[in-house]
Amino acid sequence: KDLNDGQYTINDQAGTTAVASWAPSYWYQGVDHTTADTNGKMALFNATPVITDEFYRTIVQGVIANAPLTYSFWVLNLDRSDAPGIGSRYRPNLTVEFRDLSNNLLNTITTGNIPPTTAGNLSGDWYQFSATFIPTTSSVSIIFKNNQVGGTGNDLALDDITITQSLVDSDQDNVADVYDLDS
């Protein structure tokens, strides 16, 4: 079964050959971003032919309010530089929003147009994006939005999403202030 417009899948290190009959002519055929991970996986998104705005949302729970949180991810344009009609194919262009559960905007990431992956580059042309912000509650919505139409390009892979939180230790006793009784 082909991965059609508006669909996504989680794919393994075997590349994109098995996800669509037409993929070997257009898409990157290499591994996920974490090449050292033999069981690695990446999310593949085949964009819809209309701008649908949001294409992925998750809620991260259990964060510490008022402590800096950093969110980062790696993205790759699945189109190769030698794909047929590459000059007229759309480039992935994303906005990632971070919102509290009252829908207040905390921060954004905008990727701009992601260039096609260089033909023959089996480790891919991956780009990292990150944002640091202060959550106001213990849960944060993370919303990926598409700024470009699909149907002819705008297909992407996401990998190595990381969420880290830095806790302040003002008195340097190795106990974060939020847990420190003498803070």
Protein backbone atom coordinates (compact mmCIF):
# COMPACT_ATOMS: atom_id res chain seq x y z
CA LYS A 1 0.00 0.00 0.00
CA ASP A 2 1.34 3.42 -0.94
CA LEU A 3 1.81 6.24 1.59
CA ASN A 4 -0.59 8.70 -0.04
CA ASP A 5 -1.10 12.44 0.39
CA GLY A 6 -2.21 13.28 3.92
CA GLN A 7 -0.83 10.07 5.43
CA TYR A 8 2.10 9.32 7.70
CA THR A 9 3.96 6.27 8.94
CA ILE A 10 6.77 5.31 11.26
CA ASN A 11 9.55 3.79 9.21
CA ASP A 12 12.70 1.87 10.06
CA GLN A 13 16.30 2.03 8.85
CA ALA A 14 15.42 0.39 5.54
CA GLY A 15 14.67 3.80 4.05
CA THR A 16 11.52 4.75 2.16
CA THR A 17 11.50 2.14 -0.63
CA ALA A 18 8.71 0.05 0.91
CA VAL A 19 6.31 2.91 1.72
CA ALA A 20 5.25 3.80 -1.83
CA SER A 21 5.78 2.35 -5.30
CA TRP A 22 6.89 5.76 -6.61
CA ALA A 23 9.20 6.59 -3.66
CA PRO A 24 12.48 5.28 -5.19
CA SER A 25 12.19 7.86 -8.00
CA TYR A 26 11.56 10.83 -5.69
CA TRP A 27 12.41 10.21 -2.06
CA TYR A 28 15.51 9.82 0.05
CA GLN A 29 16.36 6.12 0.47
CA GLY A 30 18.71 6.33 3.46
CA VAL A 31 18.55 5.79 7.17
CA ASP A 32 16.99 7.79 9.97
CA HIS A 33 18.96 10.59 11.63
CA THR A 34 20.37 8.37 14.39
CA THR A 35 22.54 6.26 12.11
CA ALA A 36 24.24 4.49 15.05
CA ASP A 37 20.87 3.12 16.24
CA THR A 38 20.32 -0.14 14.36
CA ASN A 39 16.67 -0.20 15.46
CA GLY A 40 16.05 3.46 14.67
CA LYS A 41 12.82 4.79 13.26
CA MET A 42 11.68 8.06 11.72
CA ALA A 43 8.23 9.51 11.07
CA LEU A 44 7.43 10.07 7.37
CA PHE A 45 4.74 12.60 6.43
CA ASN A 46 3.26 12.87 2.93
CA ALA A 47 1.60 16.29 2.92
CA THR A 48 -1.96 16.91 1.75
CA PRO A 49 -2.59 18.92 -1.44
CA VAL A 50 -4.14 21.73 0.63
CA ILE A 51 -2.71 23.63 3.55
CA THR A 52 -4.32 21.89 6.49
CA ASP A 53 -2.51 23.93 9.09
CA GLU A 54 -2.05 21.41 11.91
CA PHE A 55 -0.76 17.95 11.00
CA TYR A 56 0.56 16.72 14.34
CA ARG A 57 -0.24 17.53 17.97
CA THR A 58 0.84 16.03 21.24
CA ILE A 59 0.59 17.01 24.89
CA VAL A 60 3.68 16.69 27.05
CA GLN A 61 2.74 16.15 30.68
CA GLY A 62 4.81 16.24 33.83
CA VAL A 63 6.96 19.26 33.02
CA ILE A 64 8.02 21.60 35.81
CA ALA A 65 6.26 24.96 35.57
CA ASN A 66 8.57 28.01 35.52
CA ALA A 67 11.70 25.98 34.66
CA PRO A 68 13.26 26.35 31.17
CA LEU A 69 12.21 23.62 28.75
CA THR A 70 14.03 22.93 25.48
CA TYR A 71 12.34 21.08 22.61
CA SER A 72 14.34 20.04 19.55
CA PHE A 73 13.85 17.87 16.49
CA TRP A 74 15.55 16.95 13.23
CA VAL A 75 13.74 17.27 9.89
CA LEU A 76 14.60 16.12 6.37
CA ASN A 77 12.98 16.95 3.03
CA LEU A 78 12.17 13.50 1.62
CA ASP A 79 12.50 14.80 -1.94
CA ARG A 80 15.95 14.21 -3.43
CA SER A 81 17.79 16.83 -5.46
CA ASP A 82 17.50 14.56 -8.54
CA ALA A 83 13.75 13.86 -8.24
CA PRO A 84 11.74 14.43 -11.44
CA GLY A 85 10.51 18.04 -11.58
CA ILE A 86 12.41 18.97 -8.40
CA GLY A 87 12.51 22.65 -9.38
CA SER A 88 8.71 22.93 -9.14
CA ARG A 89 8.14 20.62 -6.15
CA TYR A 90 7.10 22.25 -2.88
CA ARG A 91 9.53 22.39 0.02
CA PRO A 92 8.54 21.47 3.57
CA ASN A 93 8.04 24.63 5.62
CA LEU A 94 6.85 24.20 9.20
CA THR A 95 5.77 26.20 12.21
CA VAL A 96 5.88 24.46 15.57
CA GLU A 97 3.85 26.07 18.34
CA PHE A 98 4.18 25.50 22.06
CA ARG A 99 1.00 26.33 23.97
CA ASP A 100 -0.26 25.89 27.49
CA LEU A 101 -3.53 24.03 27.94
CA SER A 102 -5.42 27.35 27.94
CA ASN A 103 -4.08 27.78 24.38
CA ASN A 104 -1.71 30.65 25.29
CA LEU A 105 1.26 30.74 22.93
CA LEU A 106 4.57 30.16 24.76
CA ASN A 107 6.99 30.01 21.81
CA THR A 108 7.30 29.03 18.15
CA ILE A 109 9.80 27.56 15.73
CA THR A 110 9.64 28.38 12.02
CA THR A 111 11.81 26.25 9.73
CA GLY A 112 11.53 28.15 6.46
CA ASN A 113 11.84 26.05 3.30
CA ILE A 114 13.80 22.82 3.84
CA PRO A 115 15.99 22.08 0.77
CA PRO A 116 15.82 18.68 -0.97
CA THR A 117 18.16 15.97 0.24
CA THR A 118 21.29 15.70 -1.90
CA ALA A 119 21.04 12.77 -4.31
CA GLY A 120 23.29 9.91 -3.16
CA ASN A 121 23.58 11.17 0.42
CA LEU A 122 22.53 8.01 2.29
CA SER A 123 22.77 9.68 5.70
CA GLY A 124 20.49 12.51 4.56
CA ASP A 125 20.52 16.29 4.77
CA TRP A 126 18.95 16.58 8.22
CA TYR A 127 18.31 19.99 9.83
CA GLN A 128 17.92 20.56 13.56
CA PHE A 129 15.55 23.10 15.07
CA SER A 130 15.00 23.91 18.73
CA ALA A 131 13.29 26.35 21.07
CA THR A 132 13.62 27.08 24.76
CA PHE A 133 10.76 28.55 26.74
CA ILE A 134 9.31 28.72 30.23
CA PRO A 135 6.19 26.56 30.66
CA THR A 136 3.55 28.08 32.92
CA THR A 137 1.86 24.77 33.77
CA SER A 138 2.80 21.09 34.04
CA SER A 139 1.45 20.28 30.55
CA VAL A 140 2.37 21.76 27.17
CA SER A 141 0.75 21.26 23.74
CA ILE A 142 3.17 20.89 20.85
CA ILE A 143 1.59 21.58 17.47
CA PHE A 144 3.26 21.03 14.09
CA LYS A 145 1.73 23.16 11.33
CA ASN A 146 2.33 22.99 7.62
CA ASN A 147 2.94 26.33 5.88
CA GLN A 148 2.98 24.81 2.39
CA VAL A 149 0.65 22.72 0.24
CA GLY A 150 1.55 19.15 -0.63
CA GLY A 151 0.59 16.81 -3.43
CA THR A 152 3.74 17.74 -5.34
CA GLY A 153 6.49 17.64 -2.74
CA ASN A 154 6.41 19.02 0.78
CA ASP A 155 7.06 15.53 2.14
CA LEU A 156 9.22 15.23 5.21
CA ALA A 157 10.75 13.00 7.85
CA LEU A 158 11.01 13.85 11.56
CA ASP A 159 13.45 12.20 13.92
CA ASP A 160 15.23 12.52 17.26
CA ILE A 161 12.72 14.68 19.07
CA THR A 162 14.13 15.60 22.46
CA ILE A 163 12.61 17.40 25.41
CA THR A 164 14.92 18.58 28.17
CA GLN A 165 14.26 20.74 31.16
CA SER A 166 16.85 22.73 33.07
CA LEU A 167 16.17 23.10 36.75
CA VAL A 168 17.78 25.95 38.66
CA ASP A 169 19.93 25.13 41.71
CA SER A 170 20.61 28.58 43.20
CA ASP A 171 22.53 27.36 46.25
CA GLN A 172 24.41 24.68 44.26
CA ASP A 173 23.61 21.86 46.68
CA ASN A 174 22.64 19.51 43.78
CA VAL A 175 18.94 19.81 44.63
CA ALA A 176 16.85 21.83 42.16
CA ASP A 177 15.19 24.89 43.74
CA VAL A 178 11.72 23.50 42.99
CA TYR A 179 12.53 20.50 45.25
CA ASP A 180 14.91 22.18 47.69
CA LEU A 181 13.52 22.81 51.17
CA ASP A 182 16.14 25.49 51.88
CA SER A 183 15.61 27.35 48.60
